[in-house]
């Protein structure tokens, strides 16, 4: 404060007077602050509403289109023999898989593994020198060996660190005994197409190592519906479209692979949708009684979702027309509940019909609910428009408060200046009065009578 009037000259409590007057002057500012607090509370409430609708929209994602229902499970009758998975390219069917102990042709794919001749110690010189080429299938790379790296350990490291060894082969050392060590080369991929071979381009490295096959490279072989299948890997994804088979071990009998719609995944997604809707509905109820009580925007959001539930689809290629027919029902407070057994039964008897009811790209319930949520959350949607409007109101109030604060500063300066002048005037008047009183007292006869 630039000017402070203490009231010493006048005896007035100027500070209290100014505070009282400024309290009256600040009333418009207090009204604006209260209004700003109310608006910010609404902004927070709309943030809760937006978050709830967004979570609901996310939960609908696995069910929002017919393609999302093209989810298949592949089931093995014996997972010790093979396992299987399916994707959206699969077709519901059943297959006979034979990976038989009694069939000499059946076998697991195997990586080629080689071992070197015996060397006394992995840290001793082998006497090898020159450039050795290592071929793995159609790929190859070379290593250079000289007196600086001619031990088994040096050769191992040269192979593993070679620039051209792009995860083709792994070199390791087995210490068989205190007087016997061997270099081991293992192809990093199974199948005969990934067999290892060594050649001396110069010198005697390959000749010195004298590598021999320990485990031969071989392809996987098994039968599907009586047809012998041969592949380089034990993980086969190109025999049955949309299905990946992983061979484990032979069995004594034929096994079955069943490919079917993954109803468990759909049930899980439906339950997730219901849980998210109920969470959103709980938020709406809370806001209806709190931060957005009586707000038309909240009523509009509720109305849009309610309208979807109350409008049956038309033109679908299914006789299903209501969510209650697949076990989804509405409770007294507007939440949703799921009869899992009823949904499971309907999925088993009319999977495509359930998909149409929920995800038809025009009339499906999930499709329409997702569209409603998307419209509400859009940058031009109702929720965003209301948030932007409220933000603008807060900005306007802030500007108004700055203006009022400036005016109040000027008013307080003026009041303090005026009271300071009054204090000075009264001080002067008091001094003058005291002077005159002294003069009158000193006049002749002033003490008489």
Protein backbone atom coordinates (compact mmCIF):
# COMPACT_ATOMS: atom_id res chain seq x y z
CA UNK A 1 0.00 0.00 0.00
CA UNK A 2 1.54 3.30 -1.09
CA UNK A 3 -0.20 5.44 1.54
CA UNK A 4 -0.99 4.43 5.12
CA UNK A 5 -3.08 6.63 7.38
CA UNK A 6 -2.65 5.79 11.04
CA UNK A 7 -5.18 8.28 12.46
CA UNK A 8 -2.68 9.67 14.96
CA UNK A 9 -3.64 13.25 14.14
CA UNK A 10 -7.40 12.78 14.14
CA UNK A 11 -7.80 9.95 16.62
CA UNK A 12 -9.87 8.04 14.04
CA UNK A 13 -9.29 4.24 13.48
CA UNK A 14 -8.57 4.85 9.81
CA UNK A 15 -7.27 1.30 9.14
CA UNK A 16 -10.54 -0.26 10.32
CA UNK A 17 -12.57 2.27 8.37
CA UNK A 18 -10.66 1.56 5.15
CA UNK A 19 -10.90 -2.21 5.66
CA UNK A 20 -14.65 -1.92 6.17
CA UNK A 21 -15.14 0.22 3.07
CA UNK A 22 -12.93 -2.09 0.98
CA UNK A 23 -14.91 -5.09 2.20
CA UNK A 24 -18.00 -3.51 0.68
CA UNK A 25 -16.11 -2.70 -2.51
CA UNK A 26 -14.91 -6.33 -2.82
CA UNK A 27 -18.39 -7.85 -2.81
CA UNK A 28 -18.60 -8.05 -6.65
CA UNK A 29 -15.21 -9.81 -6.64
CA UNK A 30 -16.40 -12.31 -4.05
CA UNK A 31 -19.50 -13.00 -6.16
CA UNK A 32 -17.29 -13.65 -9.20
CA UNK A 33 -14.99 -15.98 -7.22
CA UNK A 34 -17.97 -17.97 -6.02
CA UNK A 35 -19.28 -18.20 -9.57
CA UNK A 36 -15.86 -19.28 -10.83
CA UNK A 37 -15.70 -22.02 -8.18
CA UNK A 38 -19.12 -23.29 -9.28
CA UNK A 39 -18.05 -23.36 -12.95
CA UNK A 40 -14.77 -25.11 -12.17
CA UNK A 41 -16.73 -27.70 -10.22
CA UNK A 42 -18.84 -28.28 -13.34
CA UNK A 43 -15.71 -28.55 -15.48
CA UNK A 44 -14.44 -31.25 -13.12
CA UNK A 45 -17.80 -33.02 -13.33
CA UNK A 46 -17.70 -32.98 -17.13
CA UNK A 47 -14.17 -34.38 -16.93
CA UNK A 48 -15.56 -37.30 -14.90
CA UNK A 49 -18.36 -37.74 -17.44
CA UNK A 50 -15.93 -37.70 -20.35
CA UNK A 51 -13.65 -40.25 -18.65
CA UNK A 52 -16.60 -42.58 -17.94
CA UNK A 53 -17.86 -42.41 -21.53
CA UNK A 54 -14.31 -42.94 -22.83
CA UNK A 55 -13.85 -46.07 -20.69
CA UNK A 56 -17.19 -47.37 -21.92
CA UNK A 57 -16.16 -46.74 -25.52
CA UNK A 58 -12.88 -48.62 -25.00
CA UNK A 59 -14.71 -51.59 -23.48
CA UNK A 60 -16.93 -51.81 -26.57
CA UNK A 61 -13.98 -52.01 -28.96
CA UNK A 62 -13.73 -55.85 -29.06
CA UNK A 63 -17.40 -56.05 -30.11
CA UNK A 64 -17.89 -53.02 -32.34
CA UNK A 65 -17.59 -54.70 -35.76
CA UNK A 66 -18.41 -58.05 -37.33
CA UNK A 67 -14.74 -58.67 -38.04
CA UNK A 68 -14.08 -58.60 -34.29
CA UNK A 69 -16.30 -61.69 -34.00
CA UNK A 70 -14.10 -63.65 -36.40
CA UNK A 71 -12.13 -65.01 -33.47
CA UNK A 72 -11.34 -68.70 -33.49
CA UNK A 73 -9.90 -71.09 -30.95
CA UNK A 74 -7.95 -74.17 -31.99
CA UNK A 75 -8.16 -77.02 -29.50
CA UNK A 76 -5.89 -80.05 -29.31
CA UNK A 77 -7.26 -83.30 -27.93
CA UNK A 78 -3.82 -83.98 -26.45
CA UNK A 79 -1.58 -81.01 -25.71
CA UNK A 80 1.30 -83.33 -24.85
CA UNK A 81 1.34 -84.24 -28.56
CA UNK A 82 0.64 -80.82 -30.06
CA UNK A 83 -0.87 -77.44 -29.22
CA UNK A 84 -2.69 -75.09 -31.58
CA UNK A 85 -3.91 -71.51 -31.86
CA UNK A 86 -6.30 -69.89 -34.32
CA UNK A 87 -6.74 -66.41 -35.79
CA UNK A 88 -9.36 -64.54 -37.80
CA UNK A 89 -8.42 -66.34 -41.03
CA UNK A 90 -9.44 -69.73 -39.68
CA UNK A 91 -12.58 -71.67 -40.55
CA UNK A 92 -14.57 -73.77 -38.12
CA UNK A 93 -13.68 -77.43 -38.79
CA UNK A 94 -12.21 -80.58 -37.27
CA UNK A 95 -9.02 -82.35 -38.34
CA UNK A 96 -7.26 -85.63 -37.57
CA UNK A 97 -3.65 -85.11 -36.48
CA UNK A 98 -1.28 -88.06 -36.45
CA UNK A 99 2.13 -87.80 -34.82
CA UNK A 100 2.60 -91.46 -34.07
CA UNK A 101 5.21 -93.41 -32.19
CA UNK A 102 4.66 -96.37 -34.52
CA UNK A 103 5.16 -94.30 -37.69
CA UNK A 104 8.87 -94.19 -38.63
CA UNK A 105 8.22 -91.24 -40.95
CA UNK A 106 6.87 -89.06 -38.15
CA UNK A 107 9.49 -86.96 -36.39
CA UNK A 108 10.19 -83.61 -34.75
CA UNK A 109 12.23 -81.00 -36.57
CA UNK A 110 15.77 -80.90 -35.25
CA UNK A 111 18.65 -78.42 -35.46
CA UNK A 112 21.98 -79.56 -36.85
CA UNK A 113 24.64 -79.90 -34.15
CA UNK A 114 28.32 -80.69 -34.74
CA UNK A 115 31.27 -81.38 -32.46
CA UNK A 116 34.98 -81.00 -33.08
CA UNK A 117 37.80 -83.41 -32.53
CA UNK A 118 39.14 -83.67 -28.99
CA UNK A 119 41.60 -81.02 -27.76
CA UNK A 120 43.56 -81.17 -24.52
CA UNK A 121 42.59 -77.70 -23.33
CA UNK A 122 40.35 -74.95 -24.69
CA UNK A 123 43.04 -72.37 -23.96
CA UNK A 124 45.85 -74.15 -25.80
CA UNK A 125 46.80 -73.41 -29.38
CA UNK A 126 45.19 -75.78 -31.89
CA UNK A 127 47.75 -74.96 -34.58
CA UNK A 128 44.92 -73.88 -36.89
CA UNK A 129 45.36 -70.87 -39.17
CA UNK A 130 43.62 -69.45 -42.25
CA UNK A 131 40.14 -68.42 -43.40
CA UNK A 132 37.25 -70.79 -42.74
CA UNK A 133 33.82 -70.45 -44.37
CA UNK A 134 30.73 -71.60 -42.46
CA UNK A 135 27.60 -72.30 -44.46
CA UNK A 136 24.16 -72.55 -42.80
CA UNK A 137 21.66 -73.41 -45.47
CA UNK A 138 21.97 -70.76 -48.21
CA UNK A 139 23.74 -68.28 -45.89
CA UNK A 140 27.44 -68.14 -45.14
CA UNK A 141 30.13 -66.14 -43.37
CA UNK A 142 33.88 -66.43 -42.83
CA UNK A 143 36.28 -66.17 -39.90
CA UNK A 144 40.03 -65.52 -39.88
CA UNK A 145 42.20 -67.51 -37.46
CA UNK A 146 45.86 -66.84 -36.66
CA UNK A 147 48.25 -67.08 -33.71
CA UNK A 148 46.18 -64.53 -31.75
CA UNK A 149 42.97 -66.58 -31.65
CA UNK A 150 43.82 -70.17 -32.58
CA UNK A 151 42.60 -71.73 -29.30
CA UNK A 152 39.15 -73.36 -29.04
CA UNK A 153 38.03 -70.33 -27.03
CA UNK A 154 39.41 -67.98 -29.69
CA UNK A 155 37.72 -69.88 -32.51
CA UNK A 156 34.45 -69.97 -30.55
CA UNK A 157 34.51 -66.22 -30.02
CA UNK A 158 35.47 -65.55 -33.64
CA UNK A 159 32.44 -67.54 -34.82
CA UNK A 160 29.96 -65.94 -32.41
CA UNK A 161 31.26 -62.41 -33.05
CA UNK A 162 31.55 -62.71 -36.84
CA UNK A 163 29.82 -59.87 -38.70
CA UNK A 164 28.11 -62.29 -41.08
CA UNK A 165 26.84 -64.62 -38.35
CA UNK A 166 23.38 -63.09 -38.19
CA UNK A 167 22.01 -65.53 -35.61
CA UNK A 168 22.84 -68.43 -37.93
CA UNK A 169 24.94 -70.60 -35.66
CA UNK A 170 26.10 -70.66 -32.04
CA UNK A 171 29.52 -71.91 -31.00
CA UNK A 172 30.16 -73.27 -27.51
CA UNK A 173 32.69 -75.46 -25.71
CA UNK A 174 32.10 -78.66 -23.74
CA UNK A 175 34.78 -79.65 -21.26
CA UNK A 176 34.44 -83.42 -21.28
CA UNK A 177 37.30 -83.96 -18.81
CA UNK A 178 40.48 -82.30 -17.60
CA UNK A 179 42.21 -83.50 -20.75
CA UNK A 180 39.39 -83.30 -23.29
CA UNK A 181 37.52 -80.23 -24.65
CA UNK A 182 35.41 -80.02 -27.80
CA UNK A 183 33.97 -77.16 -29.86
CA UNK A 184 30.21 -77.44 -30.46
CA UNK A 185 28.39 -75.75 -33.37
CA UNK A 186 24.59 -75.57 -33.27
CA UNK A 187 22.37 -74.23 -36.02
CA UNK A 188 19.94 -71.71 -34.60
CA UNK A 189 17.13 -72.97 -36.84
CA UNK A 190 15.75 -76.45 -37.24
CA UNK A 191 15.34 -78.37 -40.49
CA UNK A 192 17.51 -79.74 -43.25
CA UNK A 193 17.55 -76.35 -44.97
CA UNK A 194 19.61 -75.03 -42.05
CA UNK A 195 22.37 -77.67 -41.94
CA UNK A 196 25.93 -76.54 -41.17
CA UNK A 197 29.00 -77.14 -43.32
CA UNK A 198 32.61 -75.88 -42.93
CA UNK A 199 35.15 -75.20 -45.68
CA UNK A 200 38.75 -73.99 -45.62
CA UNK A 201 39.05 -71.10 -48.07
CA UNK A 202 42.71 -71.01 -47.06
CA UNK A 203 44.76 -72.69 -44.38
CA UNK A 204 43.66 -75.60 -42.19
CA UNK A 205 41.04 -74.39 -39.65
CA UNK A 206 38.22 -76.71 -40.76
CA UNK A 207 40.64 -79.58 -41.23
CA UNK A 208 42.10 -79.08 -37.75
CA UNK A 209 38.69 -78.90 -36.07
CA UNK A 210 37.51 -82.05 -37.89
CA UNK A 211 33.84 -81.33 -37.11
CA UNK A 212 31.44 -84.29 -37.24
CA UNK A 213 27.68 -84.42 -36.92
CA UNK A 214 26.36 -85.04 -33.43
CA UNK A 215 22.65 -84.41 -34.15
CA UNK A 216 21.56 -84.48 -37.78
CA UNK A 217 19.39 -81.70 -39.16
CA UNK A 218 15.88 -82.97 -39.84
CA UNK A 219 12.45 -81.67 -40.79
CA UNK A 220 9.25 -82.17 -38.83
CA UNK A 221 6.94 -84.83 -40.29
CA UNK A 222 3.37 -85.56 -39.25
CA UNK A 223 0.00 -86.26 -40.89
CA UNK A 224 -3.12 -84.11 -41.20
CA UNK A 225 -6.23 -86.00 -42.30
CA UNK A 226 -3.96 -88.74 -43.67
CA UNK A 227 -1.67 -86.43 -45.67
CA UNK A 228 2.02 -86.53 -44.71
CA UNK A 229 3.24 -83.00 -43.94
CA UNK A 230 6.92 -82.02 -43.87
CA UNK A 231 8.18 -78.65 -42.60
CA UNK A 232 11.50 -77.33 -41.34
CA UNK A 233 10.09 -76.20 -38.00
CA UNK A 234 8.00 -77.73 -35.22
CA UNK A 235 5.82 -74.61 -35.32
CA UNK A 236 3.70 -74.90 -38.46
CA UNK A 237 1.38 -72.09 -39.57
CA UNK A 238 0.90 -72.78 -43.29
CA UNK A 239 -0.91 -76.14 -43.38
CA UNK A 240 -4.36 -75.15 -42.09
CA UNK A 241 -5.26 -71.54 -42.86
CA UNK A 242 -5.49 -69.40 -39.75
CA UNK A 243 -4.15 -72.17 -37.48
CA UNK A 244 -0.69 -72.56 -35.94
CA UNK A 245 0.28 -76.06 -34.82
CA UNK A 246 3.19 -76.70 -32.46
CA UNK A 247 4.42 -80.28 -32.34
CA UNK A 248 5.50 -81.61 -28.94
CA UNK A 249 6.03 -85.38 -28.85
CA UNK A 250 4.74 -88.51 -30.51
CA UNK A 251 1.71 -90.37 -29.17
CA UNK A 252 0.32 -93.87 -29.58
CA UNK A 253 -2.90 -92.79 -31.26
CA UNK A 254 -4.42 -90.26 -33.62
CA UNK A 255 -5.47 -86.94 -32.08
CA UNK A 256 -8.07 -84.33 -33.02
CA UNK A 257 -7.74 -80.63 -33.79
CA UNK A 258 -11.00 -78.69 -33.43
CA UNK A 259 -11.26 -75.17 -34.83
CA UNK A 260 -14.30 -73.25 -33.62
CA UNK A 261 -15.48 -69.76 -32.78
CA UNK A 262 -13.82 -68.54 -29.58
CA UNK A 263 -16.99 -68.10 -27.55
CA UNK A 264 -15.04 -67.66 -24.31
CA UNK A 265 -13.38 -64.56 -25.75
CA UNK A 266 -16.75 -63.16 -26.83
CA UNK A 267 -18.30 -63.82 -23.41
CA UNK A 268 -15.37 -62.08 -21.76
CA UNK A 269 -15.79 -59.07 -24.06
CA UNK A 270 -19.55 -58.91 -23.41
CA UNK A 271 -18.96 -58.99 -19.65
CA UNK A 272 -16.36 -56.23 -20.05
CA UNK A 273 -18.89 -54.14 -21.98
CA UNK A 274 -21.52 -54.63 -19.26
CA UNK A 275 -19.09 -53.79 -16.45
CA UNK A 276 -17.98 -50.61 -18.22
CA UNK A 277 -21.58 -49.56 -18.91
CA UNK A 278 -22.52 -50.07 -15.26
CA UNK A 279 -19.50 -48.06 -14.16
CA UNK A 280 -20.50 -45.25 -16.51
CA UNK A 281 -24.12 -45.45 -15.32
CA UNK A 282 -22.92 -45.18 -11.71
CA UNK A 283 -20.98 -42.04 -12.62
CA UNK A 284 -24.04 -40.59 -14.34
CA UNK A 285 -26.16 -41.21 -11.24
CA UNK A 286 -23.56 -39.57 -9.02
CA UNK A 287 -23.29 -36.51 -11.28
CA UNK A 288 -27.07 -36.27 -11.53
CA UNK A 289 -27.21 -35.78 -7.76
CA UNK A 290 -24.05 -33.72 -7.56
CA UNK A 291 -21.94 -31.63 -9.92
CA UNK A 292 -24.32 -31.77 -12.91
CA UNK A 293 -27.65 -31.80 -11.11
CA UNK A 294 -30.33 -30.66 -13.52
CA UNK A 295 -27.79 -30.06 -16.32
CA UNK A 296 -29.33 -30.54 -19.75
CA UNK A 297 -26.09 -31.95 -21.17
CA UNK A 298 -26.13 -34.84 -18.70
CA UNK A 299 -29.77 -35.51 -19.46
CA UNK A 300 -28.91 -35.53 -23.18
CA UNK A 301 -26.10 -38.08 -22.66
CA UNK A 302 -28.41 -40.38 -20.72
CA UNK A 303 -31.11 -39.96 -23.33
CA UNK A 304 -28.83 -40.85 -26.26
CA UNK A 305 -27.70 -44.14 -24.71
CA UNK A 306 -31.19 -44.98 -23.50
CA UNK A 307 -32.52 -44.40 -27.00
CA UNK A 308 -30.13 -47.01 -28.43
CA UNK A 309 -31.21 -49.62 -25.90
CA UNK A 310 -34.90 -48.88 -26.53
CA UNK A 311 -34.64 -49.03 -30.34
CA UNK A 312 -34.63 -52.52 -31.78
CA UNK A 313 -32.50 -53.12 -34.90
CA UNK A 314 -34.15 -53.70 -38.25
CA UNK A 315 -33.02 -55.44 -41.42
CA UNK A 316 -30.64 -57.88 -39.74
CA UNK A 317 -29.94 -61.34 -41.15
CA UNK A 318 -31.05 -62.87 -37.85
CA UNK A 319 -34.28 -63.30 -35.93
CA UNK A 320 -32.66 -61.78 -32.84
CA UNK A 321 -33.86 -58.25 -32.11
CA UNK A 322 -33.32 -57.67 -28.37
CA UNK A 323 -30.37 -57.89 -25.99
CA UNK A 324 -32.53 -59.82 -23.55
CA UNK A 325 -32.58 -62.69 -26.07
CA UNK A 326 -28.85 -63.23 -25.51
CA UNK A 327 -28.95 -62.86 -21.73
CA UNK A 328 -28.34 -59.10 -21.37
CA UNK A 329 -31.05 -57.53 -19.22
CA UNK A 330 -31.68 -54.17 -17.52
CA UNK A 331 -31.96 -53.94 -13.74
CA UNK A 332 -34.21 -51.59 -11.74
CA UNK A 333 -31.55 -48.89 -11.43
CA UNK A 334 -30.73 -48.97 -15.15
CA UNK A 335 -27.62 -51.15 -14.91
CA UNK A 336 -27.08 -54.18 -17.14
CA UNK A 337 -26.79 -57.80 -16.00
CA UNK A 338 -25.64 -60.89 -17.90
CA UNK A 339 -27.01 -64.42 -17.82
CA UNK A 340 -23.82 -66.21 -18.92
CA UNK A 341 -25.48 -69.54 -19.57
CA UNK A 342 -28.09 -67.92 -21.79
CA UNK A 343 -25.41 -66.07 -23.78
CA UNK A 344 -23.33 -69.25 -24.09
CA UNK A 345 -26.36 -71.18 -25.35
CA UNK A 346 -27.15 -68.54 -27.96
CA UNK A 347 -23.52 -68.38 -29.11
CA UNK A 348 -23.54 -72.14 -29.56
CA UNK A 349 -26.79 -72.18 -31.54
CA UNK A 350 -26.57 -68.89 -33.49
CA UNK A 351 -23.10 -67.34 -33.29
CA UNK A 352 -23.57 -65.28 -36.44
CA UNK A 353 -26.92 -64.04 -35.14
CA UNK A 354 -25.33 -62.77 -31.92
CA UNK A 355 -22.62 -61.06 -33.97
CA UNK A 356 -25.27 -59.36 -36.15
CA UNK A 357 -27.30 -58.26 -33.13
CA UNK A 358 -24.30 -56.63 -31.49
CA UNK A 359 -21.97 -55.57 -34.29
CA UNK A 360 -23.95 -55.09 -37.51
CA UNK A 361 -22.34 -52.01 -39.05
CA UNK A 362 -25.59 -50.07 -39.11
CA UNK A 363 -28.08 -51.53 -36.66
CA UNK A 364 -26.00 -53.52 -34.13
CA UNK A 365 -26.44 -52.42 -30.52
CA UNK A 366 -22.71 -52.12 -29.85
CA UNK A 367 -22.15 -50.40 -33.18
CA UNK A 368 -24.81 -47.77 -32.36
CA UNK A 369 -23.66 -47.33 -28.75
CA UNK A 370 -20.07 -46.88 -29.90
CA UNK A 371 -21.22 -44.33 -32.49
CA UNK A 372 -23.12 -42.43 -29.79
CA UNK A 373 -20.06 -42.43 -27.51
CA UNK A 374 -17.83 -41.34 -30.38
CA UNK A 375 -20.14 -38.42 -31.18
CA UNK A 376 -20.19 -37.31 -27.54
CA UNK A 377 -16.37 -37.41 -27.29
CA UNK A 378 -15.73 -35.77 -30.66
CA UNK A 379 -14.05 -32.36 -30.72
CA UNK A 380 -17.39 -31.00 -31.89
CA UNK A 381 -19.36 -33.26 -29.54
CA UNK A 382 -21.68 -32.23 -26.74
CA UNK A 383 -19.26 -32.87 -23.88
CA UNK A 384 -16.36 -31.04 -25.51
CA UNK A 385 -18.59 -28.09 -26.47
CA UNK A 386 -19.82 -27.76 -22.89
CA UNK A 387 -16.28 -28.01 -21.52
CA UNK A 388 -15.07 -25.35 -23.96
CA UNK A 389 -17.98 -23.10 -23.03
CA UNK A 390 -17.25 -23.44 -19.32
CA UNK A 391 -13.54 -22.84 -19.91
CA UNK A 392 -14.44 -19.64 -21.77
CA UNK A 393 -16.61 -18.53 -18.85
CA UNK A 394 -13.73 -19.08 -16.43
CA UNK A 395 -11.40 -17.10 -18.70
CA UNK A 396 -13.94 -14.25 -18.85
CA UNK A 397 -14.30 -14.26 -15.05
CA UNK A 398 -10.52 -14.20 -14.65
CA UNK A 399 -10.31 -11.17 -16.94
CA UNK A 400 -13.12 -9.47 -15.00
CA UNK A 401 -11.43 -10.22 -11.68
CA UNK A 402 -8.16 -8.71 -12.88
CA UNK A 403 -10.04 -5.57 -13.90
CA UNK A 404 -11.84 -5.36 -10.55
CA UNK A 405 -8.63 -6.02 -8.61
CA UNK A 406 -6.98 -3.13 -10.41
CA UNK A 407 -9.97 -0.87 -9.67
CA UNK A 408 -9.93 -1.92 -6.00
CA UNK A 409 -6.25 -1.03 -5.75
CA UNK A 410 -7.05 2.44 -7.07
CA UNK A 411 -10.04 2.83 -4.73
CA UNK A 412 -7.96 1.81 -1.70
CA UNK A 413 -5.20 4.23 -2.69
CA UNK A 414 -7.76 7.02 -3.04
CA UNK A 415 -9.41 6.24 0.31
CA UNK A 416 -6.10 6.11 2.13
CA UNK A 417 -5.02 9.34 0.46
CA UNK A 418 -8.26 11.07 1.43
CA UNK A 419 -8.13 9.83 5.03
CA UNK A 420 -4.49 10.82 5.25
CA UNK A 421 -5.44 14.31 4.15
CA UNK A 422 -8.31 14.35 6.63
CA UNK A 423 -5.98 13.15 9.37
CA UNK A 424 -3.52 15.93 8.54
CA UNK A 425 -6.27 18.54 8.43
CA UNK A 426 -7.70 17.49 11.75
CA UNK A 427 -4.21 17.38 13.25
CA UNK A 428 -3.65 20.96 12.06
CA UNK A 429 -7.05 22.06 13.36
CA UNK A 430 -6.30 20.45 16.73
CA UNK A 431 -2.93 22.22 16.83
CA UNK A 432 -4.57 25.54 15.94
CA UNK A 433 -7.27 25.01 18.58
CA UNK A 434 -4.68 24.22 21.21
CA UNK A 435 -2.68 27.34 20.25
CA UNK A 436 -5.74 29.59 20.47
CA UNK A 437 -6.69 28.06 23.77
CA UNK A 438 -3.22 28.81 25.10
CA UNK A 439 -3.43 32.41 23.83
CA UNK A 440 -6.82 32.96 25.34
CA UNK A 441 -5.60 31.60 28.61
CA UNK A 442 -2.71 34.06 28.64
CA UNK A 443 -4.91 37.16 28.13
CA UNK A 444 -5.27 39.59 31.14
CA UNK A 445 -8.23 38.66 33.27
CA UNK A 446 -8.45 35.24 31.70
CA UNK A 447 -7.86 33.68 35.15
CA UNK A 448 -10.60 35.70 36.82
CA UNK A 449 -14.07 34.69 37.57
